[in-house]
Protein backbone atom coordinates (compact mmCIF):
# COMPACT_ATOMS: atom_id res chain seq x y z
CA MET A 1 6.21 -40.77 65.82
CA SER A 2 5.83 -37.18 67.02
CA ALA A 3 7.72 -34.38 65.31
CA PHE A 4 8.25 -32.79 68.73
CA SER A 5 10.17 -33.79 71.82
CA GLU A 6 8.43 -34.37 75.13
CA SER A 7 9.71 -31.07 76.53
CA GLU A 8 9.92 -29.03 73.33
CA HIS A 9 11.22 -25.48 73.78
CA VAL A 10 12.27 -22.86 71.23
CA ASP A 11 13.18 -19.21 71.42
CA PHE A 12 10.80 -18.20 68.61
CA LEU A 13 7.65 -20.17 67.80
CA VAL A 14 6.11 -18.97 64.52
CA LEU A 15 2.60 -20.13 63.70
CA GLY A 16 2.19 -19.77 59.94
CA GLY A 17 4.44 -20.00 56.90
CA GLY A 18 3.40 -17.13 54.64
CA VAL A 19 5.25 -13.95 53.79
CA ALA A 20 5.01 -12.46 57.30
CA GLY A 21 5.93 -15.61 59.21
CA LEU A 22 8.86 -16.55 56.97
CA THR A 23 10.18 -12.98 56.96
CA PHE A 24 10.10 -13.02 60.77
CA ALA A 25 11.82 -16.42 60.84
CA LEU A 26 14.64 -15.30 58.54
CA GLU A 27 15.25 -12.10 60.49
CA ALA A 28 15.11 -13.87 63.89
CA ALA A 29 17.23 -16.88 62.96
CA GLY A 30 20.46 -15.19 63.98
CA HIS A 31 19.16 -14.51 67.48
CA GLY A 32 17.94 -17.91 68.67
CA SER A 33 16.19 -21.14 67.75
CA VAL A 34 13.21 -20.78 65.39
CA LEU A 35 10.37 -23.25 64.78
CA VAL A 36 7.83 -22.53 62.03
CA LEU A 37 4.58 -24.53 62.02
CA THR A 38 2.20 -24.78 59.07
CA LYS A 39 -1.26 -26.36 59.18
CA ARG A 40 -0.82 -28.17 55.88
CA GLN A 41 1.96 -28.20 53.28
CA ARG A 42 4.52 -25.49 53.90
CA SER A 43 3.51 -23.35 50.93
CA GLU A 44 -0.26 -23.63 51.42
CA GLY A 45 -1.53 -20.23 52.48
CA SER A 46 -2.79 -16.93 51.12
CA THR A 47 0.70 -15.72 50.14
CA GLN A 48 0.96 -18.55 47.62
CA TYR A 49 -2.20 -17.36 45.85
CA ALA A 50 -1.52 -13.62 45.79
CA GLN A 51 -1.66 -12.56 42.15
CA GLY A 52 -1.27 -8.81 41.81
CA GLY A 53 2.01 -7.85 43.46
CA ILE A 54 3.61 -5.61 46.07
CA ALA A 55 2.92 -1.88 46.21
CA SER A 56 6.00 0.28 46.71
CA VAL A 57 7.40 3.61 45.60
CA LEU A 58 9.74 2.52 42.82
CA GLY A 59 8.84 4.68 39.81
CA GLY A 60 10.44 7.98 38.89
CA ASP A 61 7.09 9.81 38.96
CA ASP A 62 6.11 8.43 42.39
CA ARG A 63 6.68 9.73 45.92
CA PHE A 64 6.21 8.35 49.43
CA GLU A 65 3.63 11.06 50.09
CA LEU A 66 1.47 9.84 47.21
CA HIS A 67 1.47 6.21 48.38
CA VAL A 68 0.68 7.37 51.91
CA GLU A 69 -2.20 9.53 50.69
CA ASP A 70 -3.64 6.75 48.51
CA THR A 71 -3.56 4.39 51.50
CA LEU A 72 -5.22 6.93 53.79
CA VAL A 73 -7.97 7.66 51.27
CA ALA A 74 -8.72 3.95 50.81
CA GLY A 75 -8.76 3.45 54.59
CA ALA A 76 -11.67 5.92 54.96
CA GLY A 77 -10.29 7.81 57.94
CA LEU A 78 -9.31 4.88 60.16
CA CYS A 79 -5.70 4.29 59.11
CA LYS A 80 -3.04 5.17 61.64
CA ARG A 81 -0.76 7.56 59.79
CA GLU A 82 2.37 6.40 61.61
CA ALA A 83 1.73 2.79 60.54
CA VAL A 84 1.15 3.90 56.96
CA GLU A 85 4.32 6.03 56.94
CA VAL A 86 6.45 3.20 58.32
CA THR A 87 5.10 0.69 55.80
CA VAL A 88 5.43 2.93 52.77
CA ARG A 89 8.90 4.26 53.60
CA GLU A 90 10.34 0.81 54.34
CA GLY A 91 8.78 -0.72 51.23
CA PRO A 92 11.56 -0.17 48.66
CA GLU A 93 14.19 -1.70 50.93
CA ARG A 94 11.96 -4.77 51.42
CA ILE A 95 11.64 -5.16 47.64
CA ARG A 96 15.44 -5.00 47.35
CA TRP A 97 15.72 -7.64 50.09
CA LEU A 98 13.41 -9.97 48.19
CA ARG A 99 15.51 -9.53 45.09
CA THR A 100 18.63 -10.54 47.05
CA LEU A 101 16.75 -13.74 47.97
CA GLY A 102 16.18 -14.47 44.29
CA VAL A 103 12.65 -13.21 43.70
CA GLU A 104 12.29 -12.68 39.96
CA PHE A 105 10.10 -9.62 39.48
CA ASP A 106 9.08 -8.66 35.94
CA LYS A 107 11.42 -6.08 34.45
CA GLU A 108 11.10 -3.26 31.97
CA GLY A 109 14.57 -3.18 30.51
CA PRO A 110 17.71 -4.37 32.33
CA GLU A 111 17.57 -1.86 35.20
CA HIS A 112 13.93 -1.16 36.00
CA LEU A 113 11.08 -3.27 37.35
CA HIS A 114 7.85 -3.38 35.38
CA LEU A 115 5.25 -1.62 37.50
CA THR A 116 1.50 -1.97 37.11
CA ARG A 117 -1.39 -0.02 38.61
CA GLU A 118 -4.41 -1.16 40.61
CA GLY A 119 -7.58 0.39 42.00
CA GLY A 120 -7.02 3.28 44.43
CA HIS A 121 -3.41 3.92 43.34
CA SER A 122 -2.52 7.25 41.74
CA ARG A 123 0.66 5.89 40.16
CA ARG A 124 2.03 2.68 38.72
CA ARG A 125 3.80 1.17 41.72
CA ILE A 126 2.95 -2.54 41.83
CA ALA A 127 6.04 -4.76 41.49
CA HIS A 128 4.96 -8.18 40.28
CA ALA A 129 6.05 -11.54 38.90
CA LYS A 130 3.55 -12.01 36.05
CA ASP A 131 0.24 -12.76 37.81
CA THR A 132 1.72 -15.22 40.33
CA THR A 133 3.69 -12.86 42.55
CA GLY A 134 2.80 -14.61 45.78
CA ARG A 135 3.94 -17.98 44.48
CA GLU A 136 7.33 -16.50 43.51
CA VAL A 137 7.75 -14.74 46.86
CA GLU A 138 6.79 -17.88 48.80
CA ARG A 139 9.22 -19.97 46.76
CA ALA A 140 12.13 -17.66 47.47
CA LEU A 141 11.36 -17.30 51.17
CA LEU A 142 11.07 -21.06 51.68
CA ALA A 143 14.35 -21.61 49.83
CA ALA A 144 16.04 -19.00 52.04
CA CYS A 145 14.68 -20.65 55.20
CA GLU A 146 15.93 -24.03 54.02
CA ALA A 147 19.36 -22.57 53.28
CA ARG A 148 19.48 -21.08 56.79
CA GLY A 149 18.50 -24.40 58.35
CA ILE A 150 15.31 -23.02 59.88
CA ARG A 151 13.14 -25.82 61.22
CA LEU A 152 9.71 -26.03 59.61
CA VAL A 153 7.07 -28.63 60.55
CA GLU A 154 4.10 -29.24 58.28
CA ASP A 155 0.62 -30.56 59.17
CA ALA A 156 0.83 -29.08 62.67
CA VAL A 157 -2.40 -27.40 63.81
CA ALA A 158 -2.16 -24.92 66.68
CA VAL A 159 -4.99 -25.68 69.12
CA ASP A 160 -4.59 -22.84 71.60
CA LEU A 161 -2.05 -20.49 73.05
CA VAL A 162 -0.67 -21.26 76.49
CA THR A 163 -0.51 -18.28 78.84
CA SER A 164 0.53 -17.75 82.42
CA GLY A 165 -3.05 -16.72 83.18
CA LYS A 166 -4.43 -20.06 81.96
CA LEU A 167 -1.85 -21.92 84.05
CA GLY A 168 -2.67 -19.88 87.15
CA LEU A 169 0.80 -18.40 87.48
CA GLY A 170 1.35 -15.07 89.15
CA GLY A 171 2.10 -11.74 87.56
CA PRO A 172 0.67 -10.24 84.38
CA ASN A 173 -0.75 -12.60 81.78
CA ARG A 174 1.93 -13.52 79.23
CA ALA A 175 2.34 -15.97 76.36
CA LEU A 176 4.33 -19.14 77.05
CA GLY A 177 3.83 -21.14 73.83
CA ALA A 178 1.09 -23.28 72.31
CA TYR A 179 -0.56 -26.68 72.22
CA VAL A 180 -0.21 -28.22 68.76
CA LEU A 181 -2.16 -31.06 67.12
CA GLU A 182 -0.31 -33.22 64.61
CA ARG A 183 -2.60 -33.98 61.70
CA ALA A 184 -1.46 -37.56 61.06
CA SER A 185 -1.17 -38.96 64.59
CA ARG A 186 -3.78 -36.71 66.27
CA ASP A 187 -1.29 -36.29 69.13
CA VAL A 188 -1.25 -32.95 70.94
CA SER A 189 2.15 -31.58 72.01
CA ALA A 190 3.05 -28.73 74.31
CA ILE A 191 5.63 -26.36 72.82
CA SER A 192 7.05 -23.66 75.07
CA ALA A 193 8.60 -20.54 73.57
CA GLY A 194 10.30 -17.35 74.65
CA VAL A 195 8.29 -15.50 72.00
CA THR A 196 5.19 -16.77 70.19
CA VAL A 197 4.37 -15.23 66.82
CA LEU A 198 0.97 -15.38 65.16
CA ALA A 199 1.40 -15.33 61.37
CA THR A 200 -1.71 -17.36 60.68
CA GLY A 201 -3.20 -15.23 57.91
CA GLY A 202 -6.85 -14.36 57.47
CA ALA A 203 -10.30 -15.81 57.96
CA GLY A 204 -11.95 -15.98 54.54
CA LYS A 205 -13.39 -19.44 55.28
CA VAL A 206 -15.78 -17.81 57.74
CA TYR A 207 -17.76 -16.92 54.58
CA LEU A 208 -19.35 -19.33 52.13
CA CYS A 209 -17.64 -17.82 49.06
CA THR A 210 -14.03 -16.68 49.34
CA THR A 211 -10.78 -16.34 47.44
CA ASN A 212 -8.91 -17.74 50.46
CA PRO A 213 -7.44 -21.25 50.69
CA ASP A 214 -8.94 -23.76 53.10
CA VAL A 215 -6.36 -22.97 55.81
CA SER A 216 -7.73 -19.43 56.30
CA THR A 217 -9.95 -20.12 59.29
CA GLY A 218 -9.04 -17.20 61.55
CA ASP A 219 -7.03 -19.34 63.97
CA GLY A 220 -4.69 -16.56 65.13
CA VAL A 221 -7.47 -14.08 65.91
CA ALA A 222 -9.53 -16.70 67.76
CA MET A 223 -6.59 -17.99 69.79
CA ALA A 224 -5.36 -14.49 70.63
CA TRP A 225 -8.84 -13.39 71.73
CA ARG A 226 -9.22 -16.47 73.95
CA ALA A 227 -5.76 -15.71 75.41
CA GLY A 228 -6.87 -12.21 76.41
CA ALA A 229 -5.39 -10.13 73.57
CA SER A 230 -7.27 -7.15 72.17
CA VAL A 231 -8.90 -7.56 68.75
CA ALA A 232 -10.11 -4.65 66.62
CA ASN A 233 -12.03 -3.64 63.47
CA MET A 234 -13.32 -7.09 62.58
CA GLU A 235 -16.34 -5.49 60.89
CA PHE A 236 -14.06 -4.45 58.03
CA PHE A 237 -13.86 -7.61 55.94
CA GLN A 238 -12.84 -6.88 52.38
CA PHE A 239 -14.76 -8.51 49.57
CA HIS A 240 -12.68 -8.71 46.42
CA PRO A 241 -14.77 -7.36 43.56
CA THR A 242 -13.86 -10.05 41.06
CA GLY A 243 -13.92 -13.70 41.98
CA LEU A 244 -14.43 -15.96 38.94
CA TYR A 245 -18.08 -16.98 38.72
CA HIS A 246 -18.08 -20.59 37.55
CA PRO A 247 -19.51 -23.74 39.21
CA ASP A 248 -16.16 -25.53 39.03
CA ALA A 249 -13.95 -22.60 40.04
CA LYS A 250 -13.18 -22.84 43.74
CA ASN A 251 -11.62 -19.74 45.31
CA PHE A 252 -10.19 -18.40 42.03
CA LEU A 253 -9.41 -14.70 42.04
CA ILE A 254 -9.34 -12.42 39.00
CA SER A 255 -6.60 -9.95 39.90
CA GLU A 256 -7.23 -6.25 40.35
CA ALA A 257 -4.37 -5.72 37.93
CA LEU A 258 -6.73 -6.58 35.05
CA ARG A 259 -8.76 -3.47 35.83
CA GLY A 260 -5.52 -1.54 36.28
CA GLU A 261 -4.55 -2.50 32.72
CA GLY A 262 -7.86 -1.36 31.23
CA GLY A 263 -10.46 -4.00 32.08
CA ILE A 264 -14.07 -2.80 31.86
CA LEU A 265 -16.88 -4.02 34.10
CA ARG A 266 -20.12 -4.69 32.22
CA ASN A 267 -23.53 -6.03 33.14
CA LYS A 268 -25.23 -8.90 31.33
CA ALA A 269 -26.58 -6.48 28.74
CA GLY A 270 -23.02 -5.44 27.89
CA GLU A 271 -23.30 -1.98 29.46
CA ALA A 272 -20.24 -0.49 31.21
CA PHE A 273 -21.81 0.49 34.53
CA MET A 274 -19.09 1.77 36.89
CA ALA A 275 -19.48 5.42 35.87
CA ARG A 276 -22.93 5.31 37.49
CA TYR A 277 -21.38 4.52 40.87
CA ASP A 278 -18.04 6.35 41.02
CA PRO A 279 -16.15 8.82 38.78
CA ARG A 280 -13.00 6.69 39.13
CA LYS A 281 -14.93 3.86 37.48
CA GLU A 282 -12.93 0.57 37.44
CA LEU A 283 -10.03 2.19 39.31
CA ALA A 284 -12.08 3.04 42.40
CA PRO A 285 -10.99 1.32 45.66
CA ARG A 286 -12.12 -2.24 46.23
CA ASP A 287 -14.94 -1.48 48.67
CA VAL A 288 -16.56 0.86 46.14
CA VAL A 289 -16.16 -1.55 43.21
CA ALA A 290 -17.44 -4.55 45.20
CA ARG A 291 -20.55 -2.68 46.36
CA SER A 292 -21.12 -1.34 42.85
CA ILE A 293 -21.04 -4.83 41.32
CA ASP A 294 -23.31 -6.12 44.09
CA ALA A 295 -25.77 -3.25 43.51
CA GLU A 296 -25.76 -3.73 39.71
CA ILE A 297 -26.37 -7.47 40.02
CA LYS A 298 -29.27 -6.89 42.42
CA ARG A 299 -30.71 -4.03 40.34
CA ARG A 300 -30.94 -6.18 37.24
CA GLY A 301 -31.48 -9.58 38.84
CA ASP A 302 -28.36 -11.01 37.16
CA ASP A 303 -26.21 -13.81 38.55
CA CYS A 304 -22.94 -11.99 37.97
CA ALA A 305 -21.16 -9.12 36.26
CA PHE A 306 -18.51 -9.38 33.53
CA LEU A 307 -14.93 -8.11 33.30
CA ASP A 308 -14.18 -7.33 29.69
CA MET A 309 -10.57 -7.59 28.45
CA THR A 310 -11.41 -8.37 24.83
CA HIS A 311 -10.32 -4.93 23.58
CA LEU A 312 -6.72 -5.72 24.58
CA PRO A 313 -4.38 -7.75 22.33
CA LYS A 314 -4.16 -11.46 23.08
CA PRO A 315 -0.31 -11.38 23.23
CA PHE A 316 -0.56 -8.67 25.92
CA LEU A 317 -2.95 -10.81 28.01
CA LEU A 318 -0.76 -13.89 27.65
CA GLU A 319 2.36 -11.96 28.65
CA HIS A 320 0.91 -10.18 31.68
CA PHE A 321 -1.69 -12.66 32.95
CA PRO A 322 -0.54 -16.16 31.92
CA ASN A 323 -1.90 -17.94 35.00
CA ILE A 324 -5.31 -16.26 34.88
CA TYR A 325 -5.55 -16.85 31.13
CA ALA A 326 -4.63 -20.53 31.42
CA THR A 327 -6.91 -21.18 34.39
CA CYS A 328 -9.90 -19.54 32.72
CA ARG A 329 -9.24 -21.61 29.60
CA GLU A 330 -9.51 -24.73 31.78
CA PHE A 331 -13.05 -23.60 32.59
CA GLY A 332 -13.85 -23.01 28.91
CA ILE A 333 -13.43 -19.22 28.99
CA ASP A 334 -11.05 -17.43 26.62
CA MET A 335 -10.58 -13.95 28.09
CA ALA A 336 -9.21 -12.68 24.78
CA VAL A 337 -12.57 -13.19 23.07
CA GLN A 338 -15.19 -13.27 25.84
CA PRO A 339 -15.70 -11.29 29.08
CA LEU A 340 -14.97 -13.03 32.39
CA PRO A 341 -18.00 -13.70 34.65
CA VAL A 342 -17.22 -12.26 38.12
CA VAL A 343 -18.83 -11.74 41.54
CA PRO A 344 -17.54 -10.17 44.78
CA VAL A 345 -16.18 -12.74 47.26
CA ALA A 346 -14.72 -12.57 50.78
CA HIS A 347 -11.04 -11.79 50.50
CA PHE A 348 -9.12 -9.95 53.22
CA MET A 349 -9.51 -9.30 56.95
CA CYS A 350 -8.61 -5.66 57.58
CA GLY A 351 -9.05 -5.97 61.35
CA GLY A 352 -7.32 -8.48 63.59
CA VAL A 353 -5.17 -8.74 66.69
CA VAL A 354 -4.18 -5.26 67.84
CA THR A 355 -0.43 -4.62 67.61
CA ASP A 356 1.98 -1.74 67.91
CA LEU A 357 4.48 -0.78 65.22
CA VAL A 358 6.78 -3.68 66.11
CA GLY A 359 4.14 -6.41 66.17
CA ARG A 360 3.58 -6.63 69.92
CA THR A 361 0.06 -7.53 71.07
CA SER A 362 -1.51 -6.61 74.41
CA VAL A 363 -0.27 -9.97 75.81
CA PRO A 364 3.48 -9.85 76.59
CA HIS A 365 5.69 -12.20 74.51
CA LEU A 366 2.89 -12.65 71.95
CA TYR A 367 3.40 -11.04 68.53
CA ALA A 368 1.16 -10.88 65.46
CA VAL A 369 2.29 -10.12 61.90
CA GLY A 370 0.61 -10.10 58.51
CA GLU A 371 -3.11 -10.39 57.87
CA VAL A 372 -3.83 -11.67 61.38
CA ALA A 373 -2.67 -8.34 62.83
CA CYS A 374 -4.43 -4.98 63.06
CA THR A 375 -1.48 -2.62 62.70
CA GLY A 376 -3.45 0.45 61.65
CA LEU A 377 -2.22 0.26 58.06
CA HIS A 378 -5.50 -0.67 56.41
CA GLY A 379 -8.09 1.24 58.41
CA ALA A 380 -11.59 0.60 57.08
CA ASN A 381 -10.44 -0.75 53.70
CA ARG A 382 -7.15 -2.16 52.39
CA LEU A 383 -5.50 -0.51 49.41
CA ALA A 384 -4.68 -3.12 46.77
CA SER A 385 -1.26 -4.83 47.02
CA ASN A 386 -0.46 -3.38 50.45
CA SER A 387 -0.86 -6.82 52.07
CA LEU A 388 2.36 -8.57 51.02
CA LEU A 389 4.11 -5.29 51.76
CA GLU A 390 2.70 -5.26 55.29
CA GLY A 391 3.92 -8.81 55.93
CA LEU A 392 7.42 -7.95 54.76
CA VAL A 393 7.70 -4.73 56.76
CA PHE A 394 6.17 -5.91 60.02
CA GLY A 395 7.71 -9.38 59.85
CA ARG A 396 11.12 -7.71 59.97
CA ARG A 397 10.20 -5.08 62.54
CA ALA A 398 8.69 -7.69 64.86
CA ALA A 399 11.74 -9.95 64.60
CA ILE A 400 14.09 -7.13 65.58
CA ARG A 401 11.98 -6.24 68.62
CA ALA A 402 11.38 -9.88 69.61
CA ALA A 403 15.11 -10.60 69.55
CA ASP A 404 15.66 -7.68 71.93
CA GLU A 405 12.82 -8.89 74.15
CA LEU A 406 14.25 -12.38 74.28
CA SER A 407 17.58 -11.07 75.53
CA GLU A 408 15.78 -8.94 78.11
CA VAL A 409 13.74 -11.89 79.43
CA GLY A 410 16.57 -14.44 79.55
CA GLY A 411 16.58 -16.94 82.43
CA THR A 412 14.18 -19.77 83.15
CA ARG A 413 10.75 -20.28 81.65
CA PRO A 414 7.75 -22.07 83.14
CA ARG A 415 7.19 -25.65 82.02
CA ILE A 416 3.98 -26.13 80.05
CA PRO A 417 2.02 -29.15 81.30
CA ALA A 418 1.27 -31.93 78.83
CA TRP A 419 -2.06 -31.84 77.05
CA ASN A 420 -4.73 -33.56 79.11
CA PRO A 421 -7.55 -35.04 77.01
CA GLY A 422 -9.43 -36.03 80.15
CA ALA A 423 -12.34 -38.37 79.41
CA ALA A 424 -12.75 -37.19 75.82
CA LEU A 425 -14.32 -39.77 73.54
CA ALA A 426 -13.38 -40.74 70.01
CA PRO A 427 -15.43 -38.53 67.69
CA ASP A 428 -18.37 -40.51 66.31
CA GLU A 429 -20.66 -37.81 64.92
CA GLY A 430 -18.66 -36.03 62.24
CA VAL A 431 -21.92 -34.84 60.69
CA VAL A 432 -22.27 -32.41 63.62
CA VAL A 433 -18.98 -30.73 62.73
CA THR A 434 -19.82 -30.66 59.01
CA HIS A 435 -23.31 -29.26 59.57
CA ASN A 436 -22.19 -26.55 62.00
CA TRP A 437 -19.31 -25.57 59.73
CA ASP A 438 -21.70 -25.11 56.81
CA GLU A 439 -24.26 -23.25 58.91
CA VAL A 440 -21.76 -20.71 60.25
CA ARG A 441 -20.48 -19.90 56.75
CA ARG A 442 -23.94 -19.60 55.18
CA LEU A 443 -25.12 -17.47 58.07
CA MET A 444 -22.21 -15.07 57.61
CA TRP A 445 -22.68 -14.94 53.83
CA ASN A 446 -26.40 -14.18 54.06
CA TYR A 447 -26.48 -11.88 57.11
CA VAL A 448 -23.01 -10.29 57.41
CA GLY A 449 -21.96 -9.71 53.80
CA ILE A 450 -21.23 -6.65 51.67
CA VAL A 451 -24.46 -4.86 52.65
CA ARG A 452 -25.79 -5.30 56.20
CA THR A 453 -28.74 -4.37 58.39
CA GLN A 454 -29.01 -4.18 62.16
CA LYS A 455 -31.82 -6.74 62.05
CA ARG A 456 -29.76 -9.29 60.13
CA LEU A 457 -26.74 -8.69 62.35
CA THR A 458 -28.84 -9.24 65.47
CA ARG A 459 -30.22 -12.48 64.04
CA ALA A 460 -26.68 -13.59 63.24
CA ARG A 461 -25.57 -12.88 66.82
CA THR A 462 -28.47 -14.93 68.25
CA ARG A 463 -27.85 -17.93 66.03
CA LEU A 464 -24.08 -17.80 66.51
CA ALA A 465 -24.53 -17.90 70.28
CA LEU A 466 -26.42 -21.19 69.92
CA LEU A 467 -23.93 -22.61 67.44
CA ARG A 468 -20.95 -21.69 69.57
CA GLY A 469 -22.59 -23.40 72.54
CA GLU A 470 -23.05 -26.60 70.53
CA ILE A 471 -19.48 -26.43 69.24
CA ARG A 472 -18.09 -25.79 72.73
CA ASP A 473 -19.90 -28.83 74.14
CA TYR A 474 -18.65 -31.03 71.30
CA TYR A 475 -15.11 -29.64 71.66
CA TRP A 476 -14.84 -30.69 75.30
CA GLN A 477 -16.62 -34.02 74.89
CA TYR A 478 -14.65 -35.50 72.00
CA ARG A 479 -11.01 -35.87 71.05
CA LEU A 480 -9.61 -33.19 68.83
CA THR A 481 -9.54 -33.31 65.05
CA PRO A 482 -8.22 -30.56 62.76
CA ASP A 483 -11.77 -29.91 61.50
CA LEU A 484 -13.06 -29.42 65.03
CA VAL A 485 -10.22 -27.05 65.94
CA GLU A 486 -10.91 -24.97 62.83
CA LEU A 487 -14.68 -24.99 63.36
CA ARG A 488 -14.24 -23.61 66.86
CA ASN A 489 -12.04 -20.83 65.51
CA VAL A 490 -14.36 -19.98 62.60
CA ALA A 491 -17.31 -19.67 64.99
CA ASP A 492 -15.35 -17.41 67.38
CA VAL A 493 -14.17 -15.18 64.54
CA ALA A 494 -17.71 -14.98 63.12
CA MET A 495 -18.91 -13.82 66.53
CA LEU A 496 -16.18 -11.14 66.68
CA ILE A 497 -17.11 -9.85 63.21
CA VAL A 498 -20.78 -9.61 64.16
CA GLU A 499 -20.08 -7.92 67.49
CA CYS A 500 -17.84 -5.31 65.88
CA ALA A 501 -20.39 -4.73 63.12
CA LEU A 502 -23.20 -4.19 65.63
CA ARG A 503 -21.14 -1.62 67.52
CA ARG A 504 -20.33 0.52 64.46
CA LYS A 505 -23.54 2.43 63.77
CA GLU A 506 -22.38 4.12 60.58
CA SER A 507 -21.23 3.13 57.10
CA ARG A 508 -17.50 3.45 56.54
CA GLY A 509 -15.16 1.66 54.17
CA LEU A 510 -16.00 -2.01 54.02
CA HIS A 511 -18.77 -1.78 56.62
CA TYR A 512 -21.98 -0.70 54.88
CA VAL A 513 -25.18 -0.90 56.91
CA LEU A 514 -28.51 0.24 55.47
CA ASP A 515 -29.76 1.55 58.84
CA TYR A 516 -26.84 4.03 58.99
CA PRO A 517 -25.84 4.72 55.36
CA GLU A 518 -23.61 7.74 56.07
CA LYS A 519 -20.27 8.21 57.81
CA ASP A 520 -20.45 9.56 61.35
CA ASP A 521 -17.15 11.12 62.42
CA ARG A 522 -18.13 10.75 66.05
CA GLN A 523 -17.31 7.08 65.44
CA LEU A 524 -13.90 7.80 63.94
CA HIS A 525 -12.20 5.24 66.20
CA ASP A 526 -11.31 1.56 66.22
CA THR A 527 -13.83 -1.04 67.37
CA VAL A 528 -11.83 -2.87 70.03
CA LEU A 529 -12.93 -6.07 71.78
CA SER A 530 -11.26 -8.10 74.48
CA LEU A 531 -12.29 -11.26 76.28
CA GLY A 532 -14.07 -9.47 79.13
CA ASP A 533 -16.16 -7.23 76.84
CA LEU A 534 -18.61 -9.86 75.67
CA ASP A 535 -20.03 -11.17 78.95
CA GLY A 536 -19.22 -14.79 78.19
CA ARG A 537 -20.57 -14.74 74.61
């Protein structure tokens, strides 16, 4: 039995149940009906796995100007100052809001939060809940949504956005809702909405090795691009410096907070090597640390680097990093007595769907919040622990504007036609999907990773064109499955990353290309793509 009615309509349709989507839902709930859809279980997303915390000006020695400056420096010239100012200045109030929802941050005494420091920050300003901050935030937000009676449907995979342009209606192209595939029944429903909100997270699964959960397949970016929205800065994909290097450790991140608390990066010979690459050593921004580890591994021919915490007391490690300690122990590693093997892995998408300061995209009635959005906050490289903060700030700002927009629109809304599968056949060659999925991810890992060349990028573009053609043919020939929907999105996002990377002929932030190793301030602008820019690619 379908979870949706035959003519389902809501005021606010939210695709994604992480920090940004749930913040939007809670703020919008007083202004109309809200429906939140998650691809799998309601808590399964990147928010749940965020370890470090939320950056905000909370300490007596800190100032807004310092957090702004740290963010701008990390962003390598491409941050939009207004977006940074808004995010930083609204941060403390968002932390207070979370505390009213019951988020239990670590404290230092009865009155003050315990604040830690991470790479790129000039002050201790990271509010955290041990090393499982995201899990605690997600728990509290879901509980608040349940208390408000907000409707949330799990195992619902958005297939594509519905727009007036796709339906051939007159006037400017605008968002009308989405087609949604239910995982269990494989039925596709049409859901119309006054406002559609993309809160779908990132796209780490476009790469072979990532810290991201399996749901991070770039759905929001791909759907928005196909709907005609502008997408920008996809070349800036952040590789987290320290993913746990172990054959049985899937997607496990070693938090930046370990380096903030004194962790030392060493090579296999035991040498501390970061001073060779940057005077800030382990506290350099993520792009610098990731490239440094990559360079050291390649220089020596090692498999990995090592993060050494053994000089810190075991009780300190157990108190501050209980989840990381326990998980590493499961893999036979005691971080109190042996260094942690680490490698850089794909982590965060700094580009995304272009929005203004209230979450609006270039398609009317379509909003984007959180990692899926390109707000201008991150520029060419995200400062650590600014991501949950961004979701909180822009989730609220978007909800306020969307509520106003809904009242302005009012009136009748076009009916979305039912999904028409046509003559699609039952899928009988799952190996095609599996093979193409693996090929896209290996291609991106090998050709479009931390260090790039124009030659490898051009090869990636050529092969992706062929793969996307095969995927497109399969998509229209066979009935939809969740894997096929995600494969189509991963391939489209991979293409957008490659196209943006080819257009930026300089090295800046997370985009490092050997053919152009220096910054070129003539290219101090966003790399913006829209549907008509790629000549059908």
